[in-house]
Amino acid sequence: MADTITGAQQDRKTLSKDEEQIVEFSPRTHGENKDLLGELIRQVQAAYVSFLHAQRKIAPAYREGQRHGEQARKAIEEQAANICAETIAKAAQAIVKVEREAEKTYKIVNPVGAVPDF
């Protein structure tokens, strides 16, 4: 409990010091506040104009990057289609080869004119 009181007393002392500092600062006059506000507005406007200039410079580079990305994507799709077509052609050739081998094997096992065993 004693710690709580001590902590509260320290908080009051800190508040008192802060209040003293606030009182020590002389308040700005209405004209000074208006000048400060005007200066801040000019700084914000200048920063916004700088932002717009930077954005205009960055936009073409961004579009160029997108264009290169699109070209790369199309190239990869084309390459994949070519590989797929080549694989299908090889598979078709393999099927034809296997069918020929099956026919040869069948003819060897079952010569023409042979009577099947049932």
N, C-alpha and C. Protein backbone atom coordinates (compact mmCIF):
# COMPACT_ATOMS: atom_id res chain seq x y z
N MET A 1 0.82 -1.19 0.00
CA MET A 1 0.00 0.00 0.00
C MET A 1 0.86 1.24 0.00
N ALA A 2 1.98 1.20 0.76
CA ALA A 2 2.88 2.35 0.81
C ALA A 2 3.48 2.62 -0.55
N ASP A 3 3.75 1.53 -1.31
CA ASP A 3 4.29 1.70 -2.66
C ASP A 3 3.30 2.42 -3.56
N THR A 4 2.02 2.13 -3.41
CA THR A 4 0.98 2.75 -4.22
C THR A 4 0.92 4.24 -3.94
N ILE A 5 0.99 4.61 -2.68
CA ILE A 5 0.95 6.03 -2.32
C ILE A 5 2.17 6.73 -2.87
N THR A 6 3.32 6.12 -2.74
CA THR A 6 4.54 6.72 -3.25
C THR A 6 4.45 6.89 -4.76
N GLY A 7 3.93 5.85 -5.44
CA GLY A 7 3.77 5.94 -6.90
C GLY A 7 2.83 7.05 -7.29
N ALA A 8 1.71 7.19 -6.56
CA ALA A 8 0.75 8.25 -6.85
C ALA A 8 1.37 9.62 -6.62
N GLN A 9 2.18 9.74 -5.54
CA GLN A 9 2.83 11.02 -5.26
C GLN A 9 3.81 11.36 -6.38
N GLN A 10 4.53 10.35 -6.87
CA GLN A 10 5.47 10.61 -7.97
C GLN A 10 4.73 11.04 -9.23
N ASP A 11 3.57 10.42 -9.49
CA ASP A 11 2.76 10.81 -10.64
C ASP A 11 2.34 12.27 -10.53
N ARG A 12 1.94 12.68 -9.31
CA ARG A 12 1.54 14.08 -9.10
C ARG A 12 2.70 15.02 -9.32
N LYS A 13 3.89 14.60 -8.86
CA LYS A 13 5.08 15.44 -9.04
C LYS A 13 5.39 15.58 -10.52
N THR A 14 5.26 14.49 -11.26
CA THR A 14 5.53 14.52 -12.70
C THR A 14 4.52 15.42 -13.39
N LEU A 15 3.25 15.29 -13.02
CA LEU A 15 2.23 16.15 -13.59
C LEU A 15 2.51 17.61 -13.27
N SER A 16 2.92 17.89 -12.06
CA SER A 16 3.21 19.26 -11.68
C SER A 16 4.34 19.82 -12.54
N LYS A 17 5.39 19.01 -12.75
CA LYS A 17 6.51 19.47 -13.59
C LYS A 17 6.04 19.73 -15.02
N ASP A 18 5.20 18.82 -15.56
CA ASP A 18 4.68 19.01 -16.91
C ASP A 18 3.83 20.27 -17.00
N GLU A 19 2.99 20.49 -15.96
CA GLU A 19 2.17 21.68 -15.95
C GLU A 19 3.03 22.93 -15.90
N GLU A 20 4.10 22.89 -15.12
CA GLU A 20 5.00 24.04 -15.03
C GLU A 20 5.63 24.32 -16.40
N GLN A 21 6.02 23.25 -17.10
CA GLN A 21 6.63 23.44 -18.42
C GLN A 21 5.63 24.04 -19.38
N ILE A 22 4.37 23.59 -19.30
CA ILE A 22 3.34 24.14 -20.18
C ILE A 22 3.15 25.62 -19.90
N VAL A 23 3.15 25.98 -18.64
CA VAL A 23 2.97 27.37 -18.25
C VAL A 23 4.17 28.20 -18.71
N GLU A 24 5.37 27.61 -18.66
CA GLU A 24 6.56 28.35 -19.03
C GLU A 24 6.56 28.71 -20.52
N PHE A 25 5.97 27.84 -21.37
CA PHE A 25 5.94 28.15 -22.79
C PHE A 25 4.95 29.28 -23.02
N SER A 26 5.40 30.29 -23.71
CA SER A 26 4.49 31.40 -23.95
C SER A 26 3.56 31.02 -25.11
N PRO A 27 2.30 31.24 -24.94
CA PRO A 27 1.36 30.88 -26.01
C PRO A 27 1.60 31.77 -27.23
N ARG A 28 1.42 31.16 -28.39
CA ARG A 28 1.60 31.92 -29.63
C ARG A 28 0.40 32.84 -29.84
N THR A 29 0.66 33.92 -30.49
CA THR A 29 -0.44 34.82 -30.80
C THR A 29 -1.20 34.26 -31.99
N HIS A 30 -2.36 34.77 -32.22
CA HIS A 30 -3.20 34.29 -33.32
C HIS A 30 -2.46 34.44 -34.66
N GLY A 31 -1.75 35.51 -34.85
CA GLY A 31 -1.01 35.75 -36.09
C GLY A 31 0.11 34.74 -36.28
N GLU A 32 0.81 34.43 -35.18
CA GLU A 32 1.90 33.45 -35.27
C GLU A 32 1.34 32.07 -35.62
N ASN A 33 0.21 31.70 -35.03
CA ASN A 33 -0.41 30.41 -35.34
C ASN A 33 -0.84 30.36 -36.80
N LYS A 34 -1.36 31.49 -37.28
CA LYS A 34 -1.81 31.55 -38.67
C LYS A 34 -0.61 31.42 -39.60
N ASP A 35 0.50 32.09 -39.27
CA ASP A 35 1.71 31.99 -40.10
C ASP A 35 2.26 30.56 -40.08
N LEU A 36 2.26 29.94 -38.91
CA LEU A 36 2.75 28.57 -38.78
C LEU A 36 1.87 27.62 -39.59
N LEU A 37 0.57 27.79 -39.49
CA LEU A 37 -0.36 26.96 -40.24
C LEU A 37 -0.16 27.15 -41.74
N GLY A 38 0.00 28.36 -42.18
CA GLY A 38 0.25 28.64 -43.60
C GLY A 38 1.53 27.97 -44.07
N GLU A 39 2.58 28.05 -43.25
CA GLU A 39 3.85 27.41 -43.61
C GLU A 39 3.69 25.90 -43.71
N LEU A 40 2.98 25.32 -42.76
CA LEU A 40 2.74 23.87 -42.79
C LEU A 40 1.94 23.47 -44.03
N ILE A 41 0.95 24.26 -44.38
CA ILE A 41 0.16 23.98 -45.58
C ILE A 41 1.04 24.05 -46.82
N ARG A 42 1.91 25.04 -46.91
CA ARG A 42 2.83 25.15 -48.06
C ARG A 42 3.76 23.94 -48.13
N GLN A 43 4.24 23.48 -46.98
CA GLN A 43 5.12 22.32 -46.96
C GLN A 43 4.38 21.06 -47.42
N VAL A 44 3.15 20.92 -46.97
CA VAL A 44 2.35 19.76 -47.38
C VAL A 44 2.09 19.82 -48.88
N GLN A 45 1.75 21.00 -49.39
CA GLN A 45 1.50 21.13 -50.82
C GLN A 45 2.76 20.82 -51.63
N ALA A 46 3.91 21.29 -51.17
CA ALA A 46 5.17 21.02 -51.86
C ALA A 46 5.48 19.52 -51.83
N ALA A 47 5.21 18.88 -50.71
CA ALA A 47 5.45 17.43 -50.62
C ALA A 47 4.52 16.68 -51.56
N TYR A 48 3.28 17.13 -51.67
CA TYR A 48 2.32 16.47 -52.56
C TYR A 48 2.72 16.64 -54.02
N VAL A 49 3.17 17.82 -54.38
CA VAL A 49 3.64 18.06 -55.75
C VAL A 49 4.85 17.17 -56.05
N SER A 50 5.76 17.06 -55.10
CA SER A 50 6.92 16.17 -55.27
C SER A 50 6.47 14.73 -55.43
N PHE A 51 5.49 14.32 -54.67
CA PHE A 51 4.94 12.97 -54.77
C PHE A 51 4.37 12.74 -56.17
N LEU A 52 3.62 13.71 -56.68
CA LEU A 52 3.03 13.56 -58.02
C LEU A 52 4.11 13.47 -59.10
N HIS A 53 5.18 14.27 -58.97
CA HIS A 53 6.28 14.21 -59.94
C HIS A 53 6.96 12.84 -59.88
N ALA A 54 7.19 12.35 -58.70
CA ALA A 54 7.81 11.03 -58.55
C ALA A 54 6.91 9.95 -59.13
N GLN A 55 5.63 10.08 -58.89
CA GLN A 55 4.68 9.09 -59.40
C GLN A 55 4.67 9.09 -60.93
N ARG A 56 4.77 10.27 -61.55
CA ARG A 56 4.82 10.34 -63.02
C ARG A 56 6.08 9.67 -63.57
N LYS A 57 7.17 9.77 -62.82
CA LYS A 57 8.42 9.14 -63.26
C LYS A 57 8.37 7.62 -63.07
N ILE A 58 7.73 7.18 -62.02
CA ILE A 58 7.68 5.76 -61.70
C ILE A 58 6.68 5.02 -62.57
N ALA A 59 5.59 5.66 -62.94
CA ALA A 59 4.52 4.99 -63.69
C ALA A 59 5.03 4.34 -64.98
N PRO A 60 5.82 5.02 -65.82
CA PRO A 60 6.30 4.36 -67.04
C PRO A 60 7.18 3.14 -66.73
N ALA A 61 8.00 3.25 -65.73
CA ALA A 61 8.85 2.12 -65.35
C ALA A 61 7.98 0.95 -64.88
N TYR A 62 6.95 1.24 -64.14
CA TYR A 62 6.04 0.20 -63.66
C TYR A 62 5.34 -0.47 -64.84
N ARG A 63 4.85 0.34 -65.79
CA ARG A 63 4.20 -0.22 -66.99
C ARG A 63 5.17 -1.07 -67.79
N GLU A 64 6.41 -0.61 -67.90
CA GLU A 64 7.44 -1.37 -68.63
C GLU A 64 7.68 -2.71 -67.94
N GLY A 65 7.73 -2.70 -66.62
CA GLY A 65 7.91 -3.95 -65.88
C GLY A 65 6.75 -4.90 -66.10
N GLN A 66 5.54 -4.36 -66.13
CA GLN A 66 4.36 -5.20 -66.39
C GLN A 66 4.43 -5.78 -67.80
N ARG A 67 4.87 -4.96 -68.76
CA ARG A 67 4.96 -5.42 -70.15
C ARG A 67 5.97 -6.55 -70.26
N HIS A 68 7.12 -6.40 -69.60
CA HIS A 68 8.13 -7.45 -69.63
C HIS A 68 7.61 -8.72 -68.95
N GLY A 69 6.89 -8.55 -67.88
CA GLY A 69 6.29 -9.70 -67.18
C GLY A 69 5.30 -10.42 -68.07
N GLU A 70 4.50 -9.67 -68.80
CA GLU A 70 3.52 -10.26 -69.72
C GLU A 70 4.23 -11.01 -70.84
N GLN A 71 5.29 -10.41 -71.38
CA GLN A 71 6.05 -11.06 -72.44
C GLN A 71 6.67 -12.36 -71.92
N ALA A 72 7.22 -12.33 -70.73
CA ALA A 72 7.83 -13.53 -70.15
C ALA A 72 6.78 -14.62 -69.93
N ARG A 73 5.61 -14.21 -69.44
CA ARG A 73 4.52 -15.17 -69.23
C ARG A 73 4.10 -15.82 -70.54
N LYS A 74 3.96 -15.00 -71.59
CA LYS A 74 3.58 -15.54 -72.90
C LYS A 74 4.65 -16.49 -73.44
N ALA A 75 5.91 -16.14 -73.27
CA ALA A 75 7.00 -17.00 -73.73
C ALA A 75 6.98 -18.34 -73.00
N ILE A 76 6.73 -18.31 -71.71
CA ILE A 76 6.68 -19.54 -70.92
C ILE A 76 5.48 -20.39 -71.35
N GLU A 77 4.34 -19.76 -71.57
CA GLU A 77 3.16 -20.50 -72.03
C GLU A 77 3.43 -21.15 -73.38
N GLU A 78 4.07 -20.41 -74.28
CA GLU A 78 4.39 -20.96 -75.60
C GLU A 78 5.36 -22.13 -75.48
N GLN A 79 6.36 -21.98 -74.66
CA GLN A 79 7.33 -23.05 -74.44
C GLN A 79 6.63 -24.29 -73.86
N ALA A 80 5.74 -24.09 -72.91
CA ALA A 80 5.01 -25.21 -72.32
C ALA A 80 4.12 -25.89 -73.36
N ALA A 81 3.47 -25.10 -74.21
CA ALA A 81 2.63 -25.68 -75.27
C ALA A 81 3.47 -26.49 -76.24
N ASN A 82 4.65 -25.99 -76.58
CA ASN A 82 5.54 -26.73 -77.49
C ASN A 82 5.99 -28.05 -76.88
N ILE A 83 6.35 -28.00 -75.61
CA ILE A 83 6.79 -29.23 -74.91
C ILE A 83 5.63 -30.23 -74.85
N CYS A 84 4.44 -29.74 -74.57
CA CYS A 84 3.27 -30.60 -74.50
C CYS A 84 3.00 -31.25 -75.86
N ALA A 85 3.03 -30.45 -76.93
CA ALA A 85 2.81 -30.98 -78.28
C ALA A 85 3.87 -32.02 -78.64
N GLU A 86 5.11 -31.74 -78.29
CA GLU A 86 6.21 -32.68 -78.57
C GLU A 86 6.01 -33.98 -77.79
N THR A 87 5.60 -33.87 -76.55
CA THR A 87 5.36 -35.06 -75.72
C THR A 87 4.20 -35.89 -76.28
N ILE A 88 3.15 -35.22 -76.71
CA ILE A 88 2.00 -35.93 -77.29
C ILE A 88 2.43 -36.64 -78.58
N ALA A 89 3.22 -35.97 -79.41
CA ALA A 89 3.70 -36.59 -80.66
C ALA A 89 4.55 -37.82 -80.35
N LYS A 90 5.45 -37.71 -79.36
CA LYS A 90 6.30 -38.85 -78.98
C LYS A 90 5.44 -39.99 -78.43
N ALA A 91 4.43 -39.67 -77.64
CA ALA A 91 3.54 -40.69 -77.09
C ALA A 91 2.78 -41.39 -78.22
N ALA A 92 2.32 -40.61 -79.20
CA ALA A 92 1.61 -41.21 -80.34
C ALA A 92 2.53 -42.14 -81.12
N GLN A 93 3.78 -41.74 -81.33
CA GLN A 93 4.75 -42.60 -82.01
C GLN A 93 5.00 -43.87 -81.21
N ALA A 94 5.10 -43.74 -79.91
CA ALA A 94 5.32 -44.91 -79.05
C ALA A 94 4.13 -45.87 -79.14
N ILE A 95 2.92 -45.33 -79.17
CA ILE A 95 1.72 -46.17 -79.29
C ILE A 95 1.75 -46.93 -80.61
N VAL A 96 2.07 -46.23 -81.70
CA VAL A 96 2.14 -46.89 -83.01
C VAL A 96 3.19 -47.99 -82.99
N LYS A 97 4.35 -47.72 -82.39
CA LYS A 97 5.42 -48.71 -82.31
C LYS A 97 4.97 -49.92 -81.50
N VAL A 98 4.33 -49.70 -80.38
CA VAL A 98 3.85 -50.79 -79.53
C VAL A 98 2.80 -51.62 -80.27
N GLU A 99 1.90 -50.95 -80.99
CA GLU A 99 0.89 -51.68 -81.76
C GLU A 99 1.53 -52.56 -82.82
N ARG A 100 2.56 -52.05 -83.50
CA ARG A 100 3.27 -52.85 -84.52
C ARG A 100 3.93 -54.07 -83.87
N GLU A 101 4.58 -53.82 -82.74
CA GLU A 101 5.24 -54.93 -82.04
C GLU A 101 4.20 -55.97 -81.58
N ALA A 102 3.05 -55.52 -81.15
CA ALA A 102 1.98 -56.43 -80.71
C ALA A 102 1.49 -57.26 -81.89
N GLU A 103 1.33 -56.62 -83.06
CA GLU A 103 0.91 -57.35 -84.25
C GLU A 103 1.95 -58.41 -84.65
N LYS A 104 3.24 -58.04 -84.62
CA LYS A 104 4.31 -58.99 -84.96
C LYS A 104 4.28 -60.18 -84.00
N THR A 105 4.15 -59.86 -82.72
CA THR A 105 4.13 -60.92 -81.71
C THR A 105 2.92 -61.82 -81.92
N TYR A 106 1.79 -61.24 -82.23
CA TYR A 106 0.58 -62.02 -82.45
C TYR A 106 0.75 -62.93 -83.65
N LYS A 107 1.36 -62.40 -84.72
CA LYS A 107 1.55 -63.21 -85.94
C LYS A 107 2.54 -64.35 -85.67
N ILE A 108 3.52 -64.12 -84.84
CA ILE A 108 4.48 -65.19 -84.52
C ILE A 108 3.78 -66.24 -83.67
N VAL A 109 3.02 -65.84 -82.69
CA VAL A 109 2.36 -66.77 -81.80
C VAL A 109 1.20 -67.47 -82.52
N ASN A 110 0.49 -66.76 -83.36
CA ASN A 110 -0.66 -67.30 -84.10
C ASN A 110 -0.41 -67.17 -85.60
N PRO A 111 0.34 -68.10 -86.21
CA PRO A 111 0.59 -68.01 -87.65
C PRO A 111 -0.71 -68.16 -88.42
N VAL A 112 -0.70 -67.65 -89.65
CA VAL A 112 -1.89 -67.70 -90.51
C VAL A 112 -2.22 -69.16 -90.79
N GLY A 113 -3.46 -69.49 -90.67
CA GLY A 113 -3.93 -70.84 -90.92
C GLY A 113 -3.87 -71.74 -89.72
N ALA A 114 -3.34 -71.27 -88.62
CA ALA A 114 -3.28 -72.10 -87.43
C ALA A 114 -4.66 -72.18 -86.81
N VAL A 115 -4.99 -73.31 -86.28
CA VAL A 115 -6.28 -73.50 -85.64
C VAL A 115 -6.13 -73.15 -84.16
N PRO A 116 -6.97 -72.26 -83.69
CA PRO A 116 -6.84 -71.89 -82.28
C PRO A 116 -7.26 -73.03 -81.37
N ASP A 117 -6.58 -73.14 -80.23
CA ASP A 117 -6.93 -74.14 -79.22
C ASP A 117 -7.99 -73.54 -78.30
N PHE A 118 -9.08 -74.24 -78.24
CA PHE A 118 -10.13 -73.79 -77.33
C PHE A 118 -10.27 -74.73 -76.21
